[in-house]
PDB file of N, CA and C in Angstrom:
ATOM      1  N   UNK A   1      85.086 176.835  60.064  1.00  0.00           N
ATOM      2  CA  UNK A   1      84.574 177.900  60.954  1.00  0.00           C
ATOM      3  C   UNK A   1      85.133 177.779  62.375  1.00  0.00           C
ATOM      4  N   UNK A   2      85.535 176.329  62.755  1.00  0.00           N
ATOM      5  CA  UNK A   2      86.176 176.201  64.193  1.00  0.00           C
ATOM      6  C   UNK A   2      87.134 176.844  64.232  1.00  0.00           C
ATOM      7  N   UNK A   3      88.099 176.720  63.083  1.00  0.00           N
ATOM      8  CA  UNK A   3      89.466 177.235  63.269  1.00  0.00           C
ATOM      9  C   UNK A   3      89.460 178.724  63.520  1.00  0.00           C
ATOM     10  N   UNK A   4      88.318 179.565  62.716  1.00  0.00           N
ATOM     11  CA  UNK A   4      88.210 180.957  62.745  1.00  0.00           C
ATOM     12  C   UNK A   4      88.141 181.272  64.533  1.00  0.00           C
ATOM     13  N   UNK A   5      87.181 180.663  64.980  1.00  0.00           N
ATOM     14  CA  UNK A   5      86.584 180.977  66.537  1.00  0.00           C
ATOM     15  C   UNK A   5      87.665 180.656  67.237  1.00  0.00           C
ATOM     16  N   UNK A   6      88.577 179.636  67.082  1.00  0.00           N
ATOM     17  CA  UNK A   6      89.660 179.066  68.216  1.00  0.00           C
ATOM     18  C   UNK A   6      90.986 180.348  67.694  1.00  0.00           C
ATOM     19  N   UNK A   7      91.247 180.765  66.529  1.00  0.00           N
ATOM     20  CA  UNK A   7      92.006 181.747  66.270  1.00  0.00           C
ATOM     21  C   UNK A   7      91.564 183.117  67.179  1.00  0.00           C
ATOM     22  N   UNK A   8      90.214 183.369  66.981  1.00  0.00           N
ATOM     23  CA  UNK A   8      89.850 184.737  67.589  1.00  0.00           C
ATOM     24  C   UNK A   8      89.663 184.561  69.138  1.00  0.00           C
ATOM     25  N   UNK A   9      89.550 183.414  69.705  1.00  0.00           N
ATOM     26  CA  UNK A   9      89.651 183.230  71.027  1.00  0.00           C
ATOM     27  C   UNK A   9      91.252 183.385  71.488  1.00  0.00           C
ATOM     28  N   UNK A  10      92.123 182.948  70.677  1.00  0.00           N
ATOM     29  CA  UNK A  10      93.733 182.983  71.131  1.00  0.00           C
ATOM     30  C   UNK A  10      93.837 184.406  71.065  1.00  0.00           C
ATOM     31  N   UNK A  11      93.514 185.233  69.951  1.00  0.00           N
ATOM     32  CA  UNK A  11      94.029 186.411  69.712  1.00  0.00           C
ATOM     33  C   UNK A  11      93.239 187.313  70.963  1.00  0.00           C
ATOM     34  N   UNK A  12      92.009 186.962  71.365  1.00  0.00           N
ATOM     35  CA  UNK A  12      91.520 187.619  72.346  1.00  0.00           C
ATOM     36  C   UNK A  12      92.027 187.570  73.758  1.00  0.00           C
ATOM     37  N   UNK A  13      92.478 186.283  73.856  1.00  0.00           N
ATOM     38  CA  UNK A  13      93.290 185.750  75.349  1.00  0.00           C
ATOM     39  C   UNK A  13      94.672 186.688  75.189  1.00  0.00           C
ATOM     40  N   UNK A  14      95.245 186.888  74.051  1.00  0.00           N
ATOM     41  CA  UNK A  14      96.668 187.567  74.021  1.00  0.00           C
ATOM     42  C   UNK A  14      96.115 188.912  74.383  1.00  0.00           C
ATOM     43  N   UNK A  15      95.082 189.562  74.051  1.00  0.00           N
ATOM     44  CA  UNK A  15      94.649 191.065  74.167  1.00  0.00           C
ATOM     45  C   UNK A  15      94.370 191.134  75.598  1.00  0.00           C
ATOM     46  N   UNK A  16      93.887 190.285  76.369  1.00  0.00           N
ATOM     47  CA  UNK A  16      93.452 190.177  77.609  1.00  0.00           C
ATOM     48  C   UNK A  16      94.975 190.315  78.401  1.00  0.00           C
ATOM     49  N   UNK A  17      95.790 189.507  78.039  1.00  0.00           N
ATOM     50  CA  UNK A  17      96.962 189.272  78.721  1.00  0.00           C
ATOM     51  C   UNK A  17      97.803 190.665  78.484  1.00  0.00           C
ATOM     52  N   UNK A  18      97.769 191.142  77.273  1.00  0.00           N
ATOM     53  CA  UNK A  18      98.373 192.363  77.006  1.00  0.00           C
ATOM     54  C   UNK A  18      97.872 193.585  77.916  1.00  0.00           C
ATOM     55  N   UNK A  19      96.515 193.514  77.829  1.00  0.00           N
ATOM     56  CA  UNK A  19      95.947 194.654  78.598  1.00  0.00           C
ATOM     57  C   UNK A  19      96.217 194.409  80.325  1.00  0.00           C
ATOM     58  N   UNK A  20      96.551 193.385  80.675  1.00  0.00           N
ATOM     59  CA  UNK A  20      96.876 192.889  82.120  1.00  0.00           C
ATOM     60  C   UNK A  20      98.201 193.378  82.511  1.00  0.00           C
ATOM     61  N   UNK A  21      99.229 193.321  81.505  1.00  0.00           N
ATOM     62  CA  UNK A  21     100.624 193.709  81.573  1.00  0.00           C
ATOM     63  C   UNK A  21     100.811 195.086  81.654  1.00  0.00           C
ATOM     64  N   UNK A  22      99.752 195.717  80.810  1.00  0.00           N
ATOM     65  CA  UNK A  22     100.015 197.260  80.622  1.00  0.00           C
ATOM     66  C   UNK A  22      99.413 197.841  82.018  1.00  0.00           C
ATOM     67  N   UNK A  23      98.785 196.900  82.837  1.00  0.00           N
ATOM     68  CA  UNK A  23      98.378 197.816  84.252  1.00  0.00           C
ATOM     69  C   UNK A  23      99.725 197.890  84.961  1.00  0.00           C
ATOM     70  N   UNK A  24     100.621 197.067  84.805  1.00  0.00           N
ATOM     71  CA  UNK A  24     101.875 197.138  85.561  1.00  0.00           C
ATOM     72  C   UNK A  24     102.991 198.050  84.867  1.00  0.00           C
ATOM     73  N   UNK A  25     102.750 198.021  83.592  1.00  0.00           N
ATOM     74  CA  UNK A  25     103.843 199.020  82.906  1.00  0.00           C
ATOM     75  C   UNK A  25     103.302 200.519  82.869  1.00  0.00           C
ATOM     76  N   UNK A  26     102.191 200.631  82.766  1.00  0.00           N
ATOM     77  CA  UNK A  26     101.484 201.974  82.939  1.00  0.00           C
ATOM     78  C   UNK A  26     100.377 202.189  83.645  1.00  0.00           C
ATOM     79  N   UNK A  27     100.830 201.970  85.076  1.00  0.00           N
ATOM     80  CA  UNK A  27      99.576 202.121  85.950  1.00  0.00           C
ATOM     81  C   UNK A  27      98.851 203.555  86.365  1.00  0.00           C
ATOM     82  N   UNK A  28      99.750 204.641  85.770  1.00  0.00           N
ATOM     83  CA  UNK A  28      99.185 205.937  85.716  1.00  0.00           C
ATOM     84  C   UNK A  28      98.133 206.154  84.882  1.00  0.00           C
ATOM     85  N   UNK A  29      98.202 205.768  83.547  1.00  0.00           N
ATOM     86  CA  UNK A  29      97.208 205.501  82.564  1.00  0.00           C
ATOM     87  C   UNK A  29      95.774 204.972  83.149  1.00  0.00           C
ATOM     88  N   UNK A  30      95.742 204.005  83.859  1.00  0.00           N
ATOM     89  CA  UNK A  30      94.660 203.517  84.587  1.00  0.00           C
ATOM     90  C   UNK A  30      94.245 203.821  85.856  1.00  0.00           C
ATOM     91  N   UNK A  31      94.979 204.726  86.526  1.00  0.00           N
ATOM     92  CA  UNK A  31      94.448 205.436  87.802  1.00  0.00           C
ATOM     93  C   UNK A  31      93.277 206.308  87.502  1.00  0.00           C
ATOM     94  N   UNK A  32      93.351 206.985  86.365  1.00  0.00           N
ATOM     95  CA  UNK A  32      92.169 207.953  86.245  1.00  0.00           C
ATOM     96  C   UNK A  32      90.876 207.071  85.751  1.00  0.00           C
ATOM     97  N   UNK A  33      91.050 205.935  85.548  1.00  0.00           N
ATOM     98  CA  UNK A  33      89.661 205.196  85.543  1.00  0.00           C
ATOM     99  C   UNK A  33      88.987 204.579  86.665  1.00  0.00           C
ATOM    100  N   UNK A  34      89.971 204.716  87.935  1.00  0.00           N
ATOM    101  CA  UNK A  34      89.386 204.071  89.159  1.00  0.00           C
ATOM    102  C   UNK A  34      88.667 205.360  89.608  1.00  0.00           C
ATOM    103  N   UNK A  35      87.280 205.131  90.057  1.00  0.00           N
ATOM    104  CA  UNK A  35      86.467 206.477  90.667  1.00  0.00           C
ATOM    105  C   UNK A  35      87.365 206.786  91.669  1.00  0.00           C
ATOM    106  N   UNK A  36      87.079 207.856  92.016  1.00  0.00           N
ATOM    107  CA  UNK A  36      87.811 208.897  93.116  1.00  0.00           C
ATOM    108  C   UNK A  36      87.230 208.142  94.768  1.00  0.00           C
ATOM    109  N   UNK A  37      86.209 207.690  94.739  1.00  0.00           N
ATOM    110  CA  UNK A  37      85.461 207.360  95.991  1.00  0.00           C
ATOM    111  C   UNK A  37      86.198 205.985  96.383  1.00  0.00           C
ATOM    112  N   UNK A  38      86.730 205.278  95.568  1.00  0.00           N
ATOM    113  CA  UNK A  38      87.229 204.013  96.000  1.00  0.00           C
ATOM    114  C   UNK A  38      88.462 204.206  96.531  1.00  0.00           C
ATOM    115  N   UNK A  39      88.980 203.548  97.662  1.00  0.00           N
ATOM    116  CA  UNK A  39      90.328 203.650  98.434  1.00  0.00           C
ATOM    117  C   UNK A  39      91.045 202.423  97.591  1.00  0.00           C
ATOM    118  N   UNK A  40      92.435 202.588  97.829  1.00  0.00           N
ATOM    119  CA  UNK A  40      93.372 201.452  97.395  1.00  0.00           C
ATOM    120  C   UNK A  40      93.518 201.488  95.774  1.00  0.00           C
ATOM    121  N   UNK A  41      93.682 202.547  95.358  1.00  0.00           N
ATOM    122  CA  UNK A  41      93.713 202.826  93.755  1.00  0.00           C
ATOM    123  C   UNK A  41      94.719 201.616  93.205  1.00  0.00           C
ATOM    124  N   UNK A  42      96.104 201.840  93.824  1.00  0.00           N
ATOM    125  CA  UNK A  42      97.100 201.052  93.325  1.00  0.00           C
ATOM    126  C   UNK A  42      96.780 199.581  93.457  1.00  0.00           C
ATOM    127  N   UNK A  43      96.416 199.261  94.236  1.00  0.00           N
ATOM    128  CA  UNK A  43      95.952 197.926  94.606  1.00  0.00           C
ATOM    129  C   UNK A  43      94.726 197.367  93.634  1.00  0.00           C
ATOM    130  N   UNK A  44      93.858 198.252  93.292  1.00  0.00           N
ATOM    131  CA  UNK A  44      92.768 197.844  92.441  1.00  0.00           C
ATOM    132  C   UNK A  44      93.160 197.771  90.917  1.00  0.00           C
ATOM    133  N   UNK A  45      94.407 198.822  90.422  1.00  0.00           N
ATOM    134  CA  UNK A  45      94.795 198.405  89.203  1.00  0.00           C
ATOM    135  C   UNK A  45      95.620 197.451  88.944  1.00  0.00           C
ATOM    136  N   UNK A  46      96.656 197.066  90.100  1.00  0.00           N
ATOM    137  CA  UNK A  46      97.280 195.662  89.843  1.00  0.00           C
ATOM    138  C   UNK A  46      96.489 194.601  90.090  1.00  0.00           C
ATOM    139  N   UNK A  47      95.450 194.638  91.037  1.00  0.00           N
ATOM    140  CA  UNK A  47      94.680 193.393  91.198  1.00  0.00           C
ATOM    141  C   UNK A  47      93.927 193.171  89.847  1.00  0.00           C
ATOM    142  N   UNK A  48      93.394 194.172  89.045  1.00  0.00           N
ATOM    143  CA  UNK A  48      92.656 193.992  87.956  1.00  0.00           C
ATOM    144  C   UNK A  48      93.692 193.431  86.965  1.00  0.00           C
ATOM    145  N   UNK A  49      94.859 193.994  86.754  1.00  0.00           N
ATOM    146  CA  UNK A  49      95.799 193.320  85.776  1.00  0.00           C
ATOM    147  C   UNK A  49      95.967 192.109  86.075  1.00  0.00           C
ATOM    148  N   UNK A  50      96.170 191.604  87.284  1.00  0.00           N
ATOM    149  CA  UNK A  50      96.612 190.052  87.505  1.00  0.00           C
ATOM    150  C   UNK A  50      95.310 189.121  87.013  1.00  0.00           C
ATOM    151  N   UNK A  51      94.168 189.743  87.462  1.00  0.00           N
ATOM    152  CA  UNK A  51      93.044 189.111  86.806  1.00  0.00           C
ATOM    153  C   UNK A  51      92.863 189.051  85.438  1.00  0.00           C
ATOM    154  N   UNK A  52      93.240 190.036  84.793  1.00  0.00           N
ATOM    155  CA  UNK A  52      93.209 190.135  83.234  1.00  0.00           C
ATOM    156  C   UNK A  52      94.288 188.988  82.707  1.00  0.00           C
ATOM    157  N   UNK A  53      95.262 188.951  83.400  1.00  0.00           N
ATOM    158  CA  UNK A  53      96.431 188.289  82.725  1.00  0.00           C
ATOM    159  C   UNK A  53      95.862 186.717  82.923  1.00  0.00           C
ATOM    160  N   UNK A  54      95.470 186.355  84.156  1.00  0.00           N
ATOM    161  CA  UNK A  54      95.131 184.892  84.446  1.00  0.00           C
ATOM    162  C   UNK A  54      93.877 184.631  83.632  1.00  0.00           C
ATOM    163  N   UNK A  55      92.906 185.353  83.524  1.00  0.00           N
ATOM    164  CA  UNK A  55      91.616 184.999  82.745  1.00  0.00           C
ATOM    165  C   UNK A  55      92.146 184.837  81.195  1.00  0.00           C
ATOM    166  N   UNK A  56      93.342 185.742  80.512  1.00  0.00           N
ATOM    167  CA  UNK A  56      93.730 185.398  79.205  1.00  0.00           C
ATOM    168  C   UNK A  56      94.346 184.321  79.210  1.00  0.00           C
ATOM    169  N   UNK A  57      95.376 183.778  80.249  1.00  0.00           N
ATOM    170  CA  UNK A  57      95.918 182.775  80.048  1.00  0.00           C
ATOM    171  C   UNK A  57      94.969 181.402  80.218  1.00  0.00           C
ATOM    172  N   UNK A  58      93.814 181.401  81.090  1.00  0.00           N
ATOM    173  CA  UNK A  58      93.231 180.441  81.095  1.00  0.00           C
ATOM    174  C   UNK A  58      92.436 180.311  79.678  1.00  0.00           C
ATOM    175  N   UNK A  59      92.051 181.499  79.041  1.00  0.00           N
ATOM    176  CA  UNK A  59      91.080 181.396  77.793  1.00  0.00           C
ATOM    177  C   UNK A  59      91.855 180.640  76.757  1.00  0.00           C
ATOM    178  N   UNK A  60      93.189 180.523  76.899  1.00  0.00           N
ATOM    179  CA  UNK A  60      94.131 179.705  75.886  1.00  0.00           C
ATOM    180  C   UNK A  60      93.987 178.328  76.201  1.00  0.00           C
ATOM    181  N   UNK A  61      93.948 177.917  77.462  1.00  0.00           N
ATOM    182  CA  UNK A  61      93.804 176.466  78.000  1.00  0.00           C
ATOM    183  C   UNK A  61      92.342 175.788  77.603  1.00  0.00           C
ATOM    184  N   UNK A  62      92.228 174.992  76.757  1.00  0.00           N
ATOM    185  CA  UNK A  62      90.897 174.486  76.354  1.00  0.00           C
ATOM    186  C   UNK A  62      90.056 173.881  77.455  1.00  0.00           C
ATOM    187  N   UNK A  63      90.623 173.354  78.628  1.00  0.00           N
ATOM    188  CA  UNK A  63      90.041 172.754  79.883  1.00  0.00           C
ATOM    189  C   UNK A  63      89.338 173.818  80.544  1.00  0.00           C
ATOM    190  N   UNK A  64      89.789 175.225  80.489  1.00  0.00           N
ATOM    191  CA  UNK A  64      89.581 176.255  81.293  1.00  0.00           C
ATOM    192  C   UNK A  64      88.650 177.563  80.446  1.00  0.00           C
ATOM    193  N   UNK A  65      88.712 177.128  79.181  1.00  0.00           N
ATOM    194  CA  UNK A  65      88.126 178.344  78.480  1.00  0.00           C
ATOM    195  C   UNK A  65      86.893 178.904  78.719  1.00  0.00           C
ATOM    196  N   UNK A  66      85.867 178.034  79.185  1.00  0.00           N
ATOM    197  CA  UNK A  66      84.456 178.446  79.831  1.00  0.00           C
ATOM    198  C   UNK A  66      84.632 178.955  80.835  1.00  0.00           C
ATOM    199  N   UNK A  67      85.333 178.828  81.960  1.00  0.00           N
ATOM    200  CA  UNK A  67      85.444 179.615  83.294  1.00  0.00           C
ATOM    201  C   UNK A  67      86.258 180.700  82.793  1.00  0.00           C
ATOM    202  N   UNK A  68      87.199 180.911  81.869  1.00  0.00           N
ATOM    203  CA  UNK A  68      87.817 182.166  81.546  1.00  0.00           C
ATOM    204  C   UNK A  68      86.949 183.100  80.979  1.00  0.00           C
ATOM    205  N   UNK A  69      86.177 182.498  79.799  1.00  0.00           N
ATOM    206  CA  UNK A  69      85.209 183.328  79.180  1.00  0.00           C
ATOM    207  C   UNK A  69      83.987 184.021  79.959  1.00  0.00           C
ATOM    208  N   UNK A  70      83.689 183.092  80.883  1.00  0.00           N
ATOM    209  CA  UNK A  70      82.656 183.650  81.981  1.00  0.00           C
ATOM    210  C   UNK A  70      83.152 184.660  82.848  1.00  0.00           C
ATOM    211  N   UNK A  71      84.407 184.516  83.026  1.00  0.00           N
ATOM    212  CA  UNK A  71      85.098 185.621  84.137  1.00  0.00           C
ATOM    213  C   UNK A  71      85.280 186.755  83.300  1.00  0.00           C
ATOM    214  N   UNK A  72      85.778 186.755  82.149  1.00  0.00           N
ATOM    215  CA  UNK A  72      86.041 188.029  81.100  1.00  0.00           C
ATOM    216  C   UNK A  72      84.729 188.758  80.983  1.00  0.00           C
ATOM    217  N   UNK A  73      83.623 187.919  80.860  1.00  0.00           N
ATOM    218  CA  UNK A  73      82.399 188.454  80.642  1.00  0.00           C
ATOM    219  C   UNK A  73      81.899 189.287  81.744  1.00  0.00           C
ATOM    220  N   UNK A  74      82.266 188.565  83.017  1.00  0.00           N
ATOM    221  CA  UNK A  74      81.586 189.514  84.175  1.00  0.00           C
ATOM    222  C   UNK A  74      82.506 190.829  84.355  1.00  0.00           C
ATOM    223  N   UNK A  75      83.812 190.379  83.993  1.00  0.00           N
ATOM    224  CA  UNK A  75      84.949 191.653  84.128  1.00  0.00           C
ATOM    225  C   UNK A  75      84.479 192.745  83.086  1.00  0.00           C
ATOM    226  N   UNK A  76      84.326 192.427  81.858  1.00  0.00           N
ATOM    227  CA  UNK A  76      83.870 193.430  80.916  1.00  0.00           C
ATOM    228  C   UNK A  76      82.646 194.224  81.342  1.00  0.00           C
ATOM    229  N   UNK A  77      81.475 193.535  81.593  1.00  0.00           N
ATOM    230  CA  UNK A  77      80.504 193.924  82.316  1.00  0.00           C
ATOM    231  C   UNK A  77      80.506 195.176  83.833  1.00  0.00           C
ATOM    232  N   UNK A  78      81.415 194.562  84.409  1.00  0.00           N
ATOM    233  CA  UNK A  78      81.839 195.355  85.555  1.00  0.00           C
ATOM    234  C   UNK A  78      82.476 196.661  85.258  1.00  0.00           C
ATOM    235  N   UNK A  79      83.275 196.651  83.991  1.00  0.00           N
ATOM    236  CA  UNK A  79      84.053 197.873  83.388  1.00  0.00           C
ATOM    237  C   UNK A  79      83.098 198.641  82.775  1.00  0.00           C
ATOM    238  N   UNK A  80      81.858 198.305  82.288  1.00  0.00           N
ATOM    239  CA  UNK A  80      81.052 199.014  81.274  1.00  0.00           C
ATOM    240  C   UNK A  80      80.768 200.463  81.921  1.00  0.00           C
ATOM    241  N   UNK A  81      80.275 200.614  83.218  1.00  0.00           N
ATOM    242  CA  UNK A  81      79.998 201.852  83.697  1.00  0.00           C
ATOM    243  C   UNK A  81      80.983 202.896  83.747  1.00  0.00           C
ATOM    244  N   UNK A  82      82.410 202.364  83.747  1.00  0.00           N
ATOM    245  CA  UNK A  82      83.476 203.379  83.717  1.00  0.00           C
ATOM    246  C   UNK A  82      83.567 203.930  82.282  1.00  0.00           C
ATOM    247  N   UNK A  83      83.057 203.292  81.190  1.00  0.00           N
ATOM    248  CA  UNK A  83      83.222 203.579  79.748  1.00  0.00           C
ATOM    249  C   UNK A  83      82.031 204.603  79.515  1.00  0.00           C
ATOM    250  N   UNK A  84      80.840 204.148  80.167  1.00  0.00           N
ATOM    251  CA  UNK A  84      79.646 204.947  80.041  1.00  0.00           C
ATOM    252  C   UNK A  84      79.948 206.434  80.766  1.00  0.00           C
ATOM    253  N   UNK A  85      80.463 206.330  81.788  1.00  0.00           N
ATOM    254  CA  UNK A  85      80.696 207.671  82.707  1.00  0.00           C
ATOM    255  C   UNK A  85      81.524 208.234  81.731  1.00  0.00           C
ATOM    256  N   UNK A  86      82.671 207.751  81.094  1.00  0.00           N
ATOM    257  CA  UNK A  86      83.579 208.597  80.444  1.00  0.00           C
ATOM    258  C   UNK A  86      83.163 209.158  79.309  1.00  0.00           C
ATOM    259  N   UNK A  87      82.027 208.862  78.568  1.00  0.00           N
ATOM    260  CA  UNK A  87      81.435 209.470  77.390  1.00  0.00           C
ATOM    261  C   UNK A  87      80.751 210.687  77.856  1.00  0.00           C
ATOM    262  N   UNK A  88      80.035 210.784  79.152  1.00  0.00           N
ATOM    263  CA  UNK A  88      79.246 211.939  79.633  1.00  0.00           C
ATOM    264  C   UNK A  88      80.229 212.691  80.417  1.00  0.00           C
ATOM    265  N   UNK A  89      81.442 212.515  80.709  1.00  0.00           N
ATOM    266  CA  UNK A  89      82.254 213.308  81.620  1.00  0.00           C
ATOM    267  C   UNK A  89      82.838 214.673  80.797  1.00  0.00           C
ATOM    268  N   UNK A  90      83.004 215.631  81.633  1.00  0.00           N
ATOM    269  CA  UNK A  90      83.658 216.724  80.960  1.00  0.00           C
ATOM    270  C   UNK A  90      85.026 216.611  80.278  1.00  0.00           C
ATOM    271  N   UNK A  91      85.798 215.812  81.211  1.00  0.00           N
ATOM    272  CA  UNK A  91      87.201 215.624  80.861  1.00  0.00           C
ATOM    273  C   UNK A  91      87.433 214.024  80.705  1.00  0.00           C
ATOM    274  N   UNK A  92      87.168 213.310  79.734  1.00  0.00           N
ATOM    275  CA  UNK A  92      87.071 211.966  79.795  1.00  0.00           C
ATOM    276  C   UNK A  92      88.526 211.187  80.261  1.00  0.00           C
ATOM    277  N   UNK A  93      88.378 210.419  80.985  1.00  0.00           N
ATOM    278  CA  UNK A  93      89.714 209.758  81.550  1.00  0.00           C
ATOM    279  C   UNK A  93      90.545 209.119  80.559  1.00  0.00           C
ATOM    280  N   UNK A  94      89.913 208.484  79.524  1.00  0.00           N
ATOM    281  CA  UNK A  94      90.841 208.173  78.255  1.00  0.00           C
ATOM    282  C   UNK A  94      91.383 209.096  77.466  1.00  0.00           C
ATOM    283  N   UNK A  95      91.155 210.324  77.765  1.00  0.00           N
ATOM    284  CA  UNK A  95      91.753 211.322  76.992  1.00  0.00           C
ATOM    285  C   UNK A  95      91.303 212.369  76.174  1.00  0.00           C
ATOM    286  N   UNK A  96      89.903 211.935  75.478  1.00  0.00           N
ATOM    287  CA  UNK A  96      89.117 212.693  74.789  1.00  0.00           C
ATOM    288  C   UNK A  96      87.912 212.100  74.528  1.00  0.00           C
ATOM    289  N   UNK A  97      87.056 213.090  74.210  1.00  0.00           N
ATOM    290  CA  UNK A  97      85.748 212.318  73.915  1.00  0.00           C
ATOM    291  C   UNK A  97      85.560 211.537  72.743  1.00  0.00           C
ATOM    292  N   UNK A  98      86.423 211.719  71.838  1.00  0.00           N
ATOM    293  CA  UNK A  98      86.395 210.974  70.525  1.00  0.00           C
ATOM    294  C   UNK A  98      86.839 209.515  70.934  1.00  0.00           C
ATOM    295  N   UNK A  99      87.988 209.544  71.866  1.00  0.00           N
ATOM    296  CA  UNK A  99      88.418 208.110  72.259  1.00  0.00           C
ATOM    297  C   UNK A  99      87.340 207.527  72.946  1.00  0.00           C
ATOM    298  N   UNK A 100      86.723 208.339  73.975  1.00  0.00           N
ATOM    299  CA  UNK A 100      85.583 207.826  74.825  1.00  0.00           C
ATOM    300  C   UNK A 100      84.340 207.133  73.736  1.00  0.00           C
ATOM    301  N   UNK A 101      84.013 207.881  72.733  1.00  0.00           N
ATOM    302  CA  UNK A 101      83.219 207.407  71.968  1.00  0.00           C
ATOM    303  C   UNK A 101      83.485 206.016  71.187  1.00  0.00           C
ATOM    304  N   UNK A 102      84.771 206.099  70.972  1.00  0.00           N
ATOM    305  CA  UNK A 102      85.362 204.697  70.302  1.00  0.00           C
ATOM    306  C   UNK A 102      85.341 203.616  71.140  1.00  0.00           C
ATOM    307  N   UNK A 103      85.657 203.708  72.425  1.00  0.00           N
ATOM    308  CA  UNK A 103      85.994 202.955  73.521  1.00  0.00           C
ATOM    309  C   UNK A 103      84.775 202.483  74.111  1.00  0.00           C
ATOM    310  N   UNK A 104      83.694 203.014  74.031  1.00  0.00           N
ATOM    311  CA  UNK A 104      82.361 202.365  74.641  1.00  0.00           C
ATOM    312  C   UNK A 104      81.848 201.428  73.699  1.00  0.00           C
ATOM    313  N   UNK A 105      81.615 201.468  72.488  1.00  0.00           N
ATOM    314  CA  UNK A 105      81.124 200.408  71.607  1.00  0.00           C
ATOM    315  C   UNK A 105      82.188 199.150  71.397  1.00  0.00           C
ATOM    316  N   UNK A 106      83.538 199.652  71.853  1.00  0.00           N
ATOM    317  CA  UNK A 106      84.482 198.371  71.873  1.00  0.00           C
ATOM    318  C   UNK A 106      84.045 197.595  72.945  1.00  0.00           C
ATOM    319  N   UNK A 107      83.757 198.293  74.221  1.00  0.00           N
ATOM    320  CA  UNK A 107      83.348 197.505  75.317  1.00  0.00           C
ATOM    321  C   UNK A 107      82.332 196.395  75.059  1.00  0.00           C
ATOM    322  N   UNK A 108      81.186 196.793  74.057  1.00  0.00           N
ATOM    323  CA  UNK A 108      80.172 195.926  73.797  1.00  0.00           C
ATOM    324  C   UNK A 108      80.753 195.012  73.042  1.00  0.00           C
ATOM    325  N   UNK A 109      81.803 195.267  71.971  1.00  0.00           N
ATOM    326  CA  UNK A 109      82.300 194.025  71.312  1.00  0.00           C
ATOM    327  C   UNK A 109      83.055 193.108  72.356  1.00  0.00           C
ATOM    328  N   UNK A 110      83.839 193.550  73.193  1.00  0.00           N
ATOM    329  CA  UNK A 110      84.568 192.655  74.238  1.00  0.00           C
ATOM    330  C   UNK A 110      83.501 191.774  74.958  1.00  0.00           C
ATOM    331  N   UNK A 111      82.378 192.474  75.342  1.00  0.00           N
ATOM    332  CA  UNK A 111      81.150 191.616  75.944  1.00  0.00           C
ATOM    333  C   UNK A 111      80.731 190.543  75.191  1.00  0.00           C
ATOM    334  N   UNK A 112      80.247 190.923  73.922  1.00  0.00           N
ATOM    335  CA  UNK A 112      79.789 190.069  73.092  1.00  0.00           C
ATOM    336  C   UNK A 112      80.758 188.646  72.681  1.00  0.00           C
ATOM    337  N   UNK A 113      82.114 189.163  72.518  1.00  0.00           N
ATOM    338  CA  UNK A 113      83.006 188.153  72.308  1.00  0.00           C
ATOM    339  C   UNK A 113      83.200 187.178  73.553  1.00  0.00           C
ATOM    340  N   UNK A 114      83.223 187.825  74.587  1.00  0.00           N
ATOM    341  CA  UNK A 114      83.205 186.813  76.041  1.00  0.00           C
ATOM    342  C   UNK A 114      81.952 186.147  75.935  1.00  0.00           C
ATOM    343  N   UNK A 115      80.700 186.634  75.821  1.00  0.00           N
ATOM    344  CA  UNK A 115      79.627 185.918  75.683  1.00  0.00           C
ATOM    345  C   UNK A 115      79.501 184.761  74.854  1.00  0.00           C
ATOM    346  N   UNK A 116      80.129 185.013  73.598  1.00  0.00           N
ATOM    347  CA  UNK A 116      79.955 184.007  72.282  1.00  0.00           C
ATOM    348  C   UNK A 116      81.097 182.786  72.920  1.00  0.00           C
ATOM    349  N   UNK A 117      82.092 183.120  73.358  1.00  0.00           N
ATOM    350  CA  UNK A 117      83.264 182.149  73.811  1.00  0.00           C
ATOM    351  C   UNK A 117      82.456 181.318  74.953  1.00  0.00           C
ATOM    352  N   UNK A 118      81.826 181.963  75.931  1.00  0.00           N
ATOM    353  CA  UNK A 118      81.291 181.241  76.987  1.00  0.00           C
ATOM    354  C   UNK A 118      80.070 180.089  76.661  1.00  0.00           C
ATOM    355  N   UNK A 119      79.407 180.779  75.620  1.00  0.00           N
ATOM    356  CA  UNK A 119      78.182 179.959  75.155  1.00  0.00           C
ATOM    357  C   UNK A 119      78.996 178.781  74.100  1.00  0.00           C
ATOM    358  N   UNK A 120      79.780 179.196  73.641  1.00  0.00           N
ATOM    359  CA  UNK A 120      80.423 178.202  72.567  1.00  0.00           C
ATOM    360  C   UNK A 120      80.865 176.927  73.273  1.00  0.00           C
ATOM    361  N   UNK A 121      81.303 177.107  74.521  1.00  0.00           N
ATOM    362  CA  UNK A 121      81.936 176.116  75.294  1.00  0.00           C
ATOM    363  C   UNK A 121      80.995 175.105  76.082  1.00  0.00           C
ATOM    364  N   UNK A 122      79.569 175.403  75.926  1.00  0.00           N
ATOM    365  CA  UNK A 122      78.789 174.698  76.819  1.00  0.00           C
ATOM    366  C   UNK A 122      78.434 173.586  76.089  1.00  0.00           C
TER     367      UNK A 122
END
């Protein structure tokens, strides 16, 4: 079972790294997720991309996996209101209500995984 969780942790890390890279490759996709009342949209997009890349990389390194899992847990909880808002929005940022309904439960899966990896390492 240990191998399963290690493999899942590595896959989750690669998912986070890829998500972070996408902030640089497709910043326009992420710009609609940044609330209009926040200034410095581009900075927020790129900074969150850097954070996702760093946390993903740290999740791979055994010495830092607890720190990374805690950081990812916090980040996923911070992003949760965006996905809840998207479900109830007239025009979901993710593109459709169907996508928003799929994305919201996925956010809870990401939170649960980060929590599991964070708890597993204590």
